[in-house]
């Protein structure tokens, strides 16, 4: 699953940020998250986040709840 638009915060753990996003829609999946691309300090753009979940059923449930 790809997430775009999540601000990059230097002192925050990416997995904790994604857990907070999923908690807002009532989900608490086990996740792994990484930023894609090279960090450009002066670009001001947030890099996309690749989120790996434990099953495709979990992905489907998150997408249904996100609407």
PDB file of N, CA and C in Angstrom:
ATOM      1  N   UNK A   1       0.852  -1.157   0.000  1.00  0.00           N
ATOM      2  CA  UNK A   1       0.000   0.000   0.000  1.00  0.00           C
ATOM      3  C   UNK A   1       0.906   1.232   0.000  1.00  0.00           C
ATOM      4  N   UNK A   2       0.523   2.236  -0.768  1.00  0.00           N
ATOM      5  CA  UNK A   2       1.285   3.483  -0.833  1.00  0.00           C
ATOM      6  C   UNK A   2       0.474   4.607  -0.177  1.00  0.00           C
ATOM      7  N   UNK A   3       1.155   5.439   0.583  1.00  0.00           N
ATOM      8  CA  UNK A   3       0.536   6.597   1.230  1.00  0.00           C
ATOM      9  C   UNK A   3       1.319   7.827   0.785  1.00  0.00           C
ATOM     10  N   UNK A   4       0.612   8.823   0.295  1.00  0.00           N
ATOM     11  CA  UNK A   4       1.256  10.063  -0.129  1.00  0.00           C
ATOM     12  C   UNK A   4       0.713  11.220   0.704  1.00  0.00           C
ATOM     13  N   UNK A   5       1.530  12.247   0.854  1.00  0.00           N
ATOM     14  CA  UNK A   5       1.108  13.449   1.559  1.00  0.00           C
ATOM     15  C   UNK A   5       1.363  13.434   3.054  1.00  0.00           C
ATOM     16  N   UNK A   6       2.015  12.411   3.574  1.00  0.00           N
ATOM     17  CA  UNK A   6       2.339  12.358   4.999  1.00  0.00           C
ATOM     18  C   UNK A   6       3.592  13.181   5.232  1.00  0.00           C
ATOM     19  N   UNK A   7       3.489  14.263   6.024  1.00  0.00           N
ATOM     20  CA  UNK A   7       4.658  15.130   6.231  1.00  0.00           C
ATOM     21  C   UNK A   7       5.839  14.373   6.844  1.00  0.00           C
ATOM     22  N   UNK A   8       7.019  14.775   6.436  1.00  0.00           N
ATOM     23  CA  UNK A   8       8.230  14.168   6.995  1.00  0.00           C
ATOM     24  C   UNK A   8       8.625  14.937   8.245  1.00  0.00           C
ATOM     25  N   UNK A   9       8.690  14.218   9.356  1.00  0.00           N
ATOM     26  CA  UNK A   9       9.098  14.809  10.625  1.00  0.00           C
ATOM     27  C   UNK A   9      10.345  14.080  11.094  1.00  0.00           C
ATOM     28  N   UNK A  10      11.402  14.839  11.309  1.00  0.00           N
ATOM     29  CA  UNK A  10      12.714  14.260  11.593  1.00  0.00           C
ATOM     30  C   UNK A  10      12.745  13.436  12.879  1.00  0.00           C
ATOM     31  N   UNK A  11      12.042  13.857  13.904  1.00  0.00           N
ATOM     32  CA  UNK A  11      12.168  13.198  15.207  1.00  0.00           C
ATOM     33  C   UNK A  11      11.100  12.145  15.478  1.00  0.00           C
ATOM     34  N   UNK A  12      10.227  11.868  14.502  1.00  0.00           N
ATOM     35  CA  UNK A  12       9.155  10.904  14.717  1.00  0.00           C
ATOM     36  C   UNK A  12       9.421   9.612  13.959  1.00  0.00           C
ATOM     37  N   UNK A  13       9.044   8.504  14.581  1.00  0.00           N
ATOM     38  CA  UNK A  13       9.158   7.191  13.962  1.00  0.00           C
ATOM     39  C   UNK A  13       8.054   7.040  12.913  1.00  0.00           C
ATOM     40  N   UNK A  14       8.408   6.623  11.727  1.00  0.00           N
ATOM     41  CA  UNK A  14       7.463   6.509  10.620  1.00  0.00           C
ATOM     42  C   UNK A  14       6.355   5.497  10.927  1.00  0.00           C
ATOM     43  N   UNK A  15       6.698   4.388  11.546  1.00  0.00           N
ATOM     44  CA  UNK A  15       5.686   3.385  11.888  1.00  0.00           C
ATOM     45  C   UNK A  15       4.687   3.949  12.898  1.00  0.00           C
ATOM     46  N   UNK A  16       5.148   4.760  13.836  1.00  0.00           N
ATOM     47  CA  UNK A  16       4.244   5.400  14.799  1.00  0.00           C
ATOM     48  C   UNK A  16       3.310   6.383  14.100  1.00  0.00           C
ATOM     49  N   UNK A  17       3.821   7.132  13.128  1.00  0.00           N
ATOM     50  CA  UNK A  17       2.995   8.062  12.366  1.00  0.00           C
ATOM     51  C   UNK A  17       1.912   7.319  11.602  1.00  0.00           C
ATOM     52  N   UNK A  18       2.268   6.221  10.952  1.00  0.00           N
ATOM     53  CA  UNK A  18       1.294   5.442  10.195  1.00  0.00           C
ATOM     54  C   UNK A  18       0.281   4.778  11.123  1.00  0.00           C
ATOM     55  N   UNK A  19       0.720   4.325  12.284  1.00  0.00           N
ATOM     56  CA  UNK A  19      -0.207   3.726  13.250  1.00  0.00           C
ATOM     57  C   UNK A  19      -1.252   4.758  13.685  1.00  0.00           C
ATOM     58  N   UNK A  20      -0.829   6.013  13.857  1.00  0.00           N
ATOM     59  CA  UNK A  20      -1.766   7.074  14.227  1.00  0.00           C
ATOM     60  C   UNK A  20      -2.773   7.332  13.108  1.00  0.00           C
ATOM     61  N   UNK A  21      -2.325   7.289  11.861  1.00  0.00           N
ATOM     62  CA  UNK A  21      -3.226   7.477  10.719  1.00  0.00           C
ATOM     63  C   UNK A  21      -4.258   6.352  10.688  1.00  0.00           C
ATOM     64  N   UNK A  22      -3.821   5.105  10.846  1.00  0.00           N
ATOM     65  CA  UNK A  22      -4.744   3.979  10.818  1.00  0.00           C
ATOM     66  C   UNK A  22      -5.684   3.985  12.016  1.00  0.00           C
ATOM     67  N   UNK A  23      -5.211   4.471  13.142  1.00  0.00           N
ATOM     68  CA  UNK A  23      -6.049   4.541  14.339  1.00  0.00           C
ATOM     69  C   UNK A  23      -7.215   5.514  14.132  1.00  0.00           C
ATOM     70  N   UNK A  24      -7.000   6.554  13.343  1.00  0.00           N
ATOM     71  CA  UNK A  24      -8.070   7.514  13.058  1.00  0.00           C
ATOM     72  C   UNK A  24      -9.233   6.869  12.317  1.00  0.00           C
ATOM     73  N   UNK A  25      -8.970   5.818  11.546  1.00  0.00           N
ATOM     74  CA  UNK A  25     -10.056   5.134  10.833  1.00  0.00           C
ATOM     75  C   UNK A  25     -10.460   3.838  11.536  1.00  0.00           C
ATOM     76  N   UNK A  26      -9.979   3.645  12.755  1.00  0.00           N
ATOM     77  CA  UNK A  26     -10.398   2.502  13.564  1.00  0.00           C
ATOM     78  C   UNK A  26      -9.687   1.203  13.279  1.00  0.00           C
ATOM     79  N   UNK A  27      -8.512   1.251  12.729  1.00  0.00           N
ATOM     80  CA  UNK A  27      -7.739   0.042  12.422  1.00  0.00           C
ATOM     81  C   UNK A  27      -6.429   0.051  13.211  1.00  0.00           C
ATOM     82  N   UNK A  28      -5.987  -1.145  13.597  1.00  0.00           N
ATOM     83  CA  UNK A  28      -4.703  -1.279  14.291  1.00  0.00           C
ATOM     84  C   UNK A  28      -3.912  -2.449  13.710  1.00  0.00           C
ATOM     85  N   UNK A  29      -3.555  -2.361  12.434  1.00  0.00           N
ATOM     86  CA  UNK A  29      -2.805  -3.473  11.823  1.00  0.00           C
ATOM     87  C   UNK A  29      -1.329  -3.449  12.211  1.00  0.00           C
ATOM     88  N   UNK A  30      -0.693  -4.582  12.044  1.00  0.00           N
ATOM     89  CA  UNK A  30       0.761  -4.661  12.217  1.00  0.00           C
ATOM     90  C   UNK A  30       1.383  -4.208  10.904  1.00  0.00           C
ATOM     91  N   UNK A  31       2.262  -3.218  10.965  1.00  0.00           N
ATOM     92  CA  UNK A  31       2.784  -2.624   9.731  1.00  0.00           C
ATOM     93  C   UNK A  31       4.291  -2.489   9.742  1.00  0.00           C
ATOM     94  N   UNK A  32       4.824  -2.329   8.546  1.00  0.00           N
ATOM     95  CA  UNK A  32       6.201  -1.891   8.332  1.00  0.00           C
ATOM     96  C   UNK A  32       6.099  -0.741   7.339  1.00  0.00           C
ATOM     97  N   UNK A  33       6.814   0.352   7.587  1.00  0.00           N
ATOM     98  CA  UNK A  33       6.715   1.519   6.712  1.00  0.00           C
ATOM     99  C   UNK A  33       8.104   2.070   6.401  1.00  0.00           C
ATOM    100  N   UNK A  34       8.297   2.453   5.136  1.00  0.00           N
ATOM    101  CA  UNK A  34       9.549   3.073   4.707  1.00  0.00           C
ATOM    102  C   UNK A  34       9.242   4.182   3.710  1.00  0.00           C
ATOM    103  N   UNK A  35      10.080   5.200   3.699  1.00  0.00           N
ATOM    104  CA  UNK A  35       9.968   6.283   2.721  1.00  0.00           C
ATOM    105  C   UNK A  35      10.669   5.850   1.443  1.00  0.00           C
ATOM    106  N   UNK A  36      10.132   6.269   0.313  1.00  0.00           N
ATOM    107  CA  UNK A  36      10.730   5.946  -0.984  1.00  0.00           C
ATOM    108  C   UNK A  36      11.453   7.168  -1.543  1.00  0.00           C
ATOM    109  N   UNK A  37      12.527   6.949  -2.253  1.00  0.00           N
ATOM    110  CA  UNK A  37      13.271   8.035  -2.881  1.00  0.00           C
ATOM    111  C   UNK A  37      14.326   8.620  -1.966  1.00  0.00           C
ATOM    112  N   UNK A  38      15.070   9.550  -2.543  1.00  0.00           N
ATOM    113  CA  UNK A  38      16.131  10.216  -1.798  1.00  0.00           C
ATOM    114  C   UNK A  38      15.583  11.463  -1.124  1.00  0.00           C
ATOM    115  N   UNK A  39      16.078  11.718   0.076  1.00  0.00           N
ATOM    116  CA  UNK A  39      15.648  12.896   0.828  1.00  0.00           C
ATOM    117  C   UNK A  39      16.306  14.140   0.248  1.00  0.00           C
ATOM    118  N   UNK A  40      15.480  15.128  -0.073  1.00  0.00           N
ATOM    119  CA  UNK A  40      15.970  16.421  -0.539  1.00  0.00           C
ATOM    120  C   UNK A  40      15.529  17.461   0.481  1.00  0.00           C
ATOM    121  N   UNK A  41      16.493  17.975   1.222  1.00  0.00           N
ATOM    122  CA  UNK A  41      16.175  18.848   2.347  1.00  0.00           C
ATOM    123  C   UNK A  41      15.503  20.150   1.943  1.00  0.00           C
ATOM    124  N   UNK A  42      15.800  20.655   0.765  1.00  0.00           N
ATOM    125  CA  UNK A  42      15.262  21.957   0.393  1.00  0.00           C
ATOM    126  C   UNK A  42      14.083  21.879  -0.581  1.00  0.00           C
ATOM    127  N   UNK A  43      13.586  20.676  -0.875  1.00  0.00           N
ATOM    128  CA  UNK A  43      12.490  20.555  -1.848  1.00  0.00           C
ATOM    129  C   UNK A  43      11.135  20.885  -1.237  1.00  0.00           C
ATOM    130  N   UNK A  44      10.938  20.604   0.042  1.00  0.00           N
ATOM    131  CA  UNK A  44       9.672  20.886   0.691  1.00  0.00           C
ATOM    132  C   UNK A  44       8.589  19.861   0.397  1.00  0.00           C
ATOM    133  N   UNK A  45       8.882  18.842  -0.410  1.00  0.00           N
ATOM    134  CA  UNK A  45       7.911  17.810  -0.737  1.00  0.00           C
ATOM    135  C   UNK A  45       8.119  16.600   0.159  1.00  0.00           C
ATOM    136  N   UNK A  46       7.006  15.997   0.567  1.00  0.00           N
ATOM    137  CA  UNK A  46       7.077  14.776   1.363  1.00  0.00           C
ATOM    138  C   UNK A  46       7.182  13.578   0.418  1.00  0.00           C
ATOM    139  N   UNK A  47       8.118  12.692   0.711  1.00  0.00           N
ATOM    140  CA  UNK A  47       8.272  11.487  -0.094  1.00  0.00           C
ATOM    141  C   UNK A  47       7.130  10.513   0.208  1.00  0.00           C
ATOM    142  N   UNK A  48       6.752   9.681  -0.773  1.00  0.00           N
ATOM    143  CA  UNK A  48       5.702   8.693  -0.512  1.00  0.00           C
ATOM    144  C   UNK A  48       6.171   7.643   0.488  1.00  0.00           C
ATOM    145  N   UNK A  49       5.201   7.012   1.134  1.00  0.00           N
ATOM    146  CA  UNK A  49       5.487   5.984   2.133  1.00  0.00           C
ATOM    147  C   UNK A  49       4.970   4.650   1.622  1.00  0.00           C
ATOM    148  N   UNK A  50       5.837   3.634   1.649  1.00  0.00           N
ATOM    149  CA  UNK A  50       5.431   2.275   1.305  1.00  0.00           C
ATOM    150  C   UNK A  50       5.102   1.556   2.611  1.00  0.00           C
ATOM    151  N   UNK A  51       3.845   1.107   2.713  1.00  0.00           N
ATOM    152  CA  UNK A  51       3.386   0.417   3.914  1.00  0.00           C
ATOM    153  C   UNK A  51       3.169  -1.045   3.572  1.00  0.00           C
ATOM    154  N   UNK A  52       3.798  -1.922   4.341  1.00  0.00           N
ATOM    155  CA  UNK A  52       3.635  -3.354   4.161  1.00  0.00           C
ATOM    156  C   UNK A  52       2.767  -3.880   5.297  1.00  0.00           C
ATOM    157  N   UNK A  53       1.671  -4.552   4.916  1.00  0.00           N
ATOM    158  CA  UNK A  53       0.744  -5.122   5.898  1.00  0.00           C
ATOM    159  C   UNK A  53       0.823  -6.641   5.852  1.00  0.00           C
ATOM    160  N   UNK A  54       0.268  -7.296   6.870  1.00  0.00           N
ATOM    161  CA  UNK A  54       0.415  -8.742   6.976  1.00  0.00           C
ATOM    162  C   UNK A  54      -0.494  -9.535   6.045  1.00  0.00           C
ATOM    163  N   UNK A  55      -1.584  -8.931   5.507  1.00  0.00           N
ATOM    164  CA  UNK A  55      -2.442  -9.675   4.589  1.00  0.00           C
ATOM    165  C   UNK A  55      -3.210  -8.734   3.663  1.00  0.00           C
ATOM    166  N   UNK A  56      -3.663  -9.272   2.547  1.00  0.00           N
ATOM    167  CA  UNK A  56      -4.443  -8.476   1.605  1.00  0.00           C
ATOM    168  C   UNK A  56      -5.826  -8.159   2.165  1.00  0.00           C
ATOM    169  N   UNK A  57      -6.320  -9.003   3.054  1.00  0.00           N
ATOM    170  CA  UNK A  57      -7.611  -8.742   3.700  1.00  0.00           C
ATOM    171  C   UNK A  57      -7.534  -7.483   4.549  1.00  0.00           C
ATOM    172  N   UNK A  58      -6.430  -7.302   5.228  1.00  0.00           N
ATOM    173  CA  UNK A  58      -6.222  -6.101   6.039  1.00  0.00           C
ATOM    174  C   UNK A  58      -6.196  -4.861   5.157  1.00  0.00           C
ATOM    175  N   UNK A  59      -5.536  -4.943   4.024  1.00  0.00           N
ATOM    176  CA  UNK A  59      -5.480  -3.825   3.079  1.00  0.00           C
ATOM    177  C   UNK A  59      -6.886  -3.473   2.612  1.00  0.00           C
ATOM    178  N   UNK A  60      -7.662  -4.468   2.243  1.00  0.00           N
ATOM    179  CA  UNK A  60      -9.032  -4.237   1.783  1.00  0.00           C
ATOM    180  C   UNK A  60      -9.874  -3.560   2.855  1.00  0.00           C
ATOM    181  N   UNK A  61      -9.751  -4.024   4.090  1.00  0.00           N
ATOM    182  CA  UNK A  61     -10.512  -3.453   5.205  1.00  0.00           C
ATOM    183  C   UNK A  61     -10.135  -1.999   5.445  1.00  0.00           C
ATOM    184  N   UNK A  62      -8.864  -1.686   5.358  1.00  0.00           N
ATOM    185  CA  UNK A  62      -8.402  -0.309   5.548  1.00  0.00           C
ATOM    186  C   UNK A  62      -8.950   0.592   4.444  1.00  0.00           C
ATOM    187  N   UNK A  63      -8.902   0.107   3.220  1.00  0.00           N
ATOM    188  CA  UNK A  63      -9.406   0.916   2.095  1.00  0.00           C
ATOM    189  C   UNK A  63     -10.907   1.157   2.207  1.00  0.00           C
ATOM    190  N   UNK A  64     -11.653   0.181   2.674  1.00  0.00           N
ATOM    191  CA  UNK A  64     -13.108   0.355   2.876  1.00  0.00           C
ATOM    192  C   UNK A  64     -13.358   1.403   3.954  1.00  0.00           C
ATOM    193  N   UNK A  65     -12.634   1.327   5.052  1.00  0.00           N
ATOM    194  CA  UNK A  65     -12.828   2.275   6.161  1.00  0.00           C
ATOM    195  C   UNK A  65     -12.318   3.663   5.860  1.00  0.00           C
ATOM    196  N   UNK A  66     -11.366   3.779   4.954  1.00  0.00           N
ATOM    197  CA  UNK A  66     -10.777   5.100   4.640  1.00  0.00           C
ATOM    198  C   UNK A  66     -11.752   5.989   3.891  1.00  0.00           C
ATOM    199  N   UNK A  67     -12.722   5.414   3.195  1.00  0.00           N
ATOM    200  CA  UNK A  67     -13.689   6.206   2.437  1.00  0.00           C
ATOM    201  C   UNK A  67     -14.613   6.888   3.378  1.00  0.00           C
TER     202      UNK A  67
END
